[in-house]
Protein backbone atom coordinates (compact mmCIF):
# COMPACT_ATOMS: atom_id res chain seq x y z
CA ASN A 1 108.11 56.48 52.46
CA LYS A 2 107.48 57.04 55.89
CA TYR A 3 109.40 60.63 56.29
CA LEU A 4 107.32 61.68 53.45
CA LEU A 5 103.61 61.49 55.41
CA ILE A 6 105.36 62.26 58.96
CA TYR A 7 106.74 65.98 57.54
CA PHE A 8 103.20 66.68 55.48
CA VAL A 9 101.42 65.57 58.51
CA GLY A 10 102.87 68.50 59.61
CA PHE A 11 102.65 70.76 56.69
CA LEU A 12 99.54 70.11 56.15
CA ALA A 13 98.50 71.05 59.75
CA THR A 14 100.12 74.74 59.38
CA GLU A 15 98.13 74.90 55.49
CA ILE A 16 94.70 74.42 57.66
CA THR A 17 95.58 76.49 60.37
CA ASN A 18 96.68 79.28 58.07
CA THR A 19 93.86 81.49 58.31
CA ILE A 20 95.39 85.47 58.43
CA GLN A 21 94.97 86.38 54.76
CA ILE A 22 91.68 84.89 54.56
CA MET A 23 90.85 86.65 57.71
CA ALA A 24 92.40 90.11 56.72
CA ALA A 25 89.55 91.20 55.59
CA TYR A 26 86.98 90.49 58.10
CA PHE A 27 89.47 91.97 60.30
CA ALA A 28 89.91 95.08 59.26
CA ASN A 29 86.15 95.95 58.19
CA SER A 30 85.14 94.64 61.54
CA ASN A 31 87.73 94.88 64.53
CA LEU A 32 89.30 97.80 63.10
CA GLY A 33 86.54 99.88 61.39
CA ASP A 34 87.97 100.35 58.10
CA GLU A 35 88.27 97.82 54.69
CA ASN A 36 90.51 100.18 53.59
CA MET A 37 93.24 98.61 56.02
CA THR A 38 92.96 95.54 54.26
CA THR A 39 95.79 96.01 51.20
CA VAL A 40 98.39 97.25 54.38
CA ILE A 41 97.62 94.29 56.63
CA LEU A 42 98.21 92.22 53.62
CA ALA A 43 101.10 93.67 52.34
CA ALA A 44 102.26 93.02 56.29
CA THR A 45 102.28 89.55 55.45
CA ILE A 46 104.03 89.66 51.71
CA VAL A 47 106.42 92.80 51.73
CA PRO A 48 108.74 91.15 54.63
CA LEU A 49 109.47 87.89 52.18
CA LEU A 50 110.95 90.04 49.90
CA ALA A 51 113.78 90.63 52.52
CA VAL A 52 114.16 87.08 53.93
CA VAL A 53 114.54 85.77 50.93
CA PRO A 54 117.61 86.35 49.34
CA PHE A 55 119.43 84.93 52.69
CA LEU A 56 117.82 81.91 52.67
CA PRO A 57 120.53 80.46 51.11
CA LYS A 58 122.87 81.00 54.09
CA LEU A 59 120.01 80.78 57.36
CA ILE A 60 119.80 77.03 55.13
CA GLN A 61 123.75 76.21 55.38
CA ALA A 62 123.99 77.94 58.76
CA PHE A 63 120.88 76.00 60.52
CA GLY A 64 119.72 73.19 57.89
CA LYS A 65 116.80 72.75 57.25
CA ARG A 66 115.10 70.64 59.90
CA LYS A 67 116.48 73.07 62.93
CA LEU A 68 115.14 76.04 60.75
CA THR A 69 111.99 74.87 60.77
CA ILE A 70 112.09 74.28 64.39
CA ILE A 71 113.75 77.55 65.39
CA CYS A 72 110.87 79.37 63.15
CA SER A 73 108.47 77.09 64.13
CA ALA A 74 108.53 78.10 68.00
CA ALA A 75 109.45 81.80 67.46
CA PHE A 76 105.94 81.98 65.73
CA ILE A 77 103.79 80.36 67.98
CA VAL A 78 105.56 82.38 70.89
CA ILE A 79 105.17 85.76 69.34
CA SER A 80 101.14 84.74 68.08
CA VAL A 81 100.83 84.35 71.45
CA VAL A 82 102.28 87.49 72.61
CA GLN A 83 100.24 89.55 70.32
CA TYR A 84 97.06 88.02 71.00
CA PHE A 85 97.55 89.20 74.18
CA ILE A 86 99.22 92.23 73.21
CA GLY A 87 95.51 93.25 71.11
CA TYR A 88 95.49 95.67 68.11
CA ASP A 89 94.73 99.20 69.94
CA SER A 90 97.86 101.00 68.31
CA PHE A 91 97.81 99.50 64.86
CA ILE A 92 101.53 100.70 64.27
CA LEU A 93 102.43 97.92 66.87
CA PHE A 94 100.31 95.22 65.43
CA LEU A 95 101.52 95.91 62.51
CA ALA A 96 105.43 95.99 63.75
CA ILE A 97 105.22 92.61 65.27
CA SER A 98 102.52 91.20 62.34
CA ILE A 99 106.08 92.18 60.03
CA VAL A 100 108.49 90.32 62.32
CA ARG A 101 105.70 87.74 62.96
CA VAL A 102 105.59 86.49 58.82
CA ILE A 103 109.05 86.16 58.66
CA PHE A 104 109.03 82.84 61.04
CA MET A 105 105.58 81.87 59.58
CA GLN A 106 106.27 81.52 55.89
CA ILE A 107 109.83 80.06 56.17
CA PRO A 108 109.28 77.01 56.73
CA MET A 109 106.42 77.38 53.47
CA LEU A 110 109.50 78.45 51.51
CA ILE A 111 111.84 75.30 52.32
CA TYR A 112 109.06 73.02 51.91
CA GLY A 113 110.03 71.81 48.85
CA MET A 114 113.34 70.78 49.63
CA PHE A 115 112.26 68.66 52.08
CA THR A 116 110.15 66.97 49.75
CA ALA A 117 113.24 66.65 47.89
CA ASP A 118 115.18 64.91 50.86
CA CYS A 119 112.04 62.24 51.25
CA MET A 120 112.19 60.97 47.71
CA GLU A 121 115.94 60.29 47.84
CA TYR A 122 115.28 59.21 51.21
CA GLY A 123 112.83 57.09 49.35
CA ALA A 124 114.81 56.18 46.13
CA TYR A 125 117.46 54.50 48.98
CA THR A 126 115.55 52.94 51.13
CA THR A 127 113.49 50.88 48.23
CA LYS A 128 115.77 50.98 44.96
CA HIS A 129 113.03 52.98 43.15
CA ARG A 130 112.67 57.23 42.28
CA THR A 131 109.14 58.08 42.48
CA GLU A 132 110.14 61.97 41.79
CA GLY A 133 106.08 62.00 39.96
CA LEU A 134 104.42 60.37 42.91
CA ALA A 135 106.57 62.41 46.08
CA PHE A 136 105.67 66.07 43.84
CA SER A 137 102.31 65.14 43.18
CA ILE A 138 101.44 64.22 47.24
CA GLN A 139 103.30 67.91 47.26
CA THR A 140 101.17 69.73 45.28
CA PHE A 141 97.51 68.10 46.55
CA VAL A 142 98.62 68.73 50.03
CA THR A 143 98.90 72.71 49.45
CA LYS A 144 95.47 72.62 47.54
CA LEU A 145 93.93 70.36 50.31
CA GLY A 146 95.31 72.10 53.02
CA GLY A 147 94.12 75.61 50.94
CA ALA A 148 90.91 74.77 51.11
CA LEU A 149 90.41 73.27 54.10
CA ALA A 150 91.39 76.82 55.50
CA SER A 151 89.08 78.41 54.45
CA ALA A 152 86.45 75.87 55.49
CA PHE A 153 87.64 75.65 58.63
CA SER A 154 88.08 79.75 58.84
CA LEU A 155 84.64 80.41 58.11
CA TRP A 156 83.01 77.29 60.40
CA LEU A 157 84.77 79.02 63.16
CA LEU A 158 84.00 82.43 62.26
CA GLN A 159 80.29 80.78 62.87
CA TYR A 160 81.20 79.34 65.99
CA PHE A 161 82.11 82.64 67.01
CA GLY A 162 78.86 84.41 65.87
CA TYR A 163 79.55 85.87 63.11
CA LEU A 164 77.09 87.57 61.77
CA GLN A 165 77.41 87.78 57.73
CA GLN A 166 75.74 91.20 56.77
CA SER A 167 75.80 92.92 59.87
CA ALA A 168 76.85 96.28 60.44
CA THR A 169 77.98 95.55 63.86
CA GLN A 170 79.70 92.34 65.43
CA SER A 171 79.49 91.02 68.95
CA PRO A 172 82.93 91.12 71.28
CA GLN A 173 82.85 87.19 70.82
CA ALA A 174 82.86 87.76 67.10
CA LEU A 175 85.24 90.66 67.27
CA ASN A 176 87.40 88.30 69.60
CA GLY A 177 86.70 85.47 67.31
CA ILE A 178 88.14 87.36 64.57
CA TRP A 179 91.10 88.11 66.29
CA ALA A 180 91.99 85.02 67.58
CA LEU A 181 91.85 83.99 63.66
CA MET A 182 94.87 86.77 63.03
CA THR A 183 96.75 85.36 65.57
CA ILE A 184 96.51 82.63 67.69
CA ILE A 185 94.81 79.96 65.77
CA PRO A 186 97.22 79.94 62.98
CA SER A 187 99.98 79.01 65.98
CA GLY A 188 97.81 75.35 66.05
CA GLY A 189 99.51 74.18 63.55
CA TYR A 190 103.08 75.17 64.14
CA ILE A 191 102.94 73.27 66.92
CA VAL A 192 101.86 69.83 65.75
CA MET A 193 104.82 70.91 63.31
CA LEU A 194 107.28 71.33 66.08
CA ILE A 195 106.08 68.63 67.55
CA ILE A 196 106.54 66.57 64.79
CA MET A 197 110.01 68.19 63.85
CA LEU A 198 111.27 67.22 67.09
CA PHE A 199 110.01 63.91 67.95
CA PHE A 200 109.59 62.04 64.46
CA TYR A 201 111.37 63.42 61.89
CA ASP A 202 114.88 62.49 62.25
CA LEU A 203 115.87 62.57 58.62
CA LYS A 204 119.38 64.50 58.54
CA GLU A 205 121.06 66.48 55.93
CA SER A 206 123.68 64.80 56.04
CA ASP A 207 122.25 61.53 55.86
CA VAL A 208 120.20 62.24 52.78
CA GLN A 209 123.96 63.35 51.41
CA ARG A 210 125.30 59.97 52.25
CA MET A 211 122.75 58.49 50.79
CA VAL A 212 122.50 60.40 47.30
CA ASP A 213 126.62 59.27 47.41
CA GLU A 214 126.11 56.13 47.97
CA MET A 215 123.49 55.86 44.80
CA LYS A 216 125.87 57.89 43.08
CA GLN A 217 129.20 55.06 43.79
CA GLU A 218 125.93 52.03 42.73
CA GLN A 219 125.65 53.75 40.02
CA THR A 220 128.53 54.27 38.47
CA GLN A 221 130.05 50.59 39.37
CA GLU A 222 126.92 49.61 36.87
CA SER A 223 128.18 51.40 34.39
CA VAL A 224 131.38 49.97 34.89
CA GLN A 225 130.57 46.62 35.12
């Protein structure tokens, strides 16, 4: 199933570079000098989703899953770059940008299971065999793999930037590295996703619906015969 593999290459890239929550404690402790800010930062990455979820069906209806993923990926990339250069001198501004940014970041994450379902229907249509178990097993595997690799990726980059685990103070290079892991580095995965959605993943929802309708007609004809 080519579309299943194509999509999850992009999804895996976004998972591996999803370093924001992993870095929250490091950023609060080293860059802000207050580990108590970790809770506030994590809340800014979670609470906004509660306001978005009720509108998700309407967003999908208005734009479609593919276009919505493209829009959100592009917006996340732009906002990430802007936030990196603005900095965090103003904590209120940092939180405000983070809240907007995380909405665009998480919407593609919230609908990835729908892409799995579309790819599954494509596979059933082209091969005449339904493989729901395999499709969702791949989804689960990629999600877990991405989480594990994100942690390893974050720790490796921390070492690369010169972060000292037991040190009360960090070098400017380490602090800038932590800031990059909070802002610009996560956009790398969304660049990959954006490229995939624009140039490689061309499975339209209308095509999926047509495939589903044709398979239903075939099943009806077979049952009549």
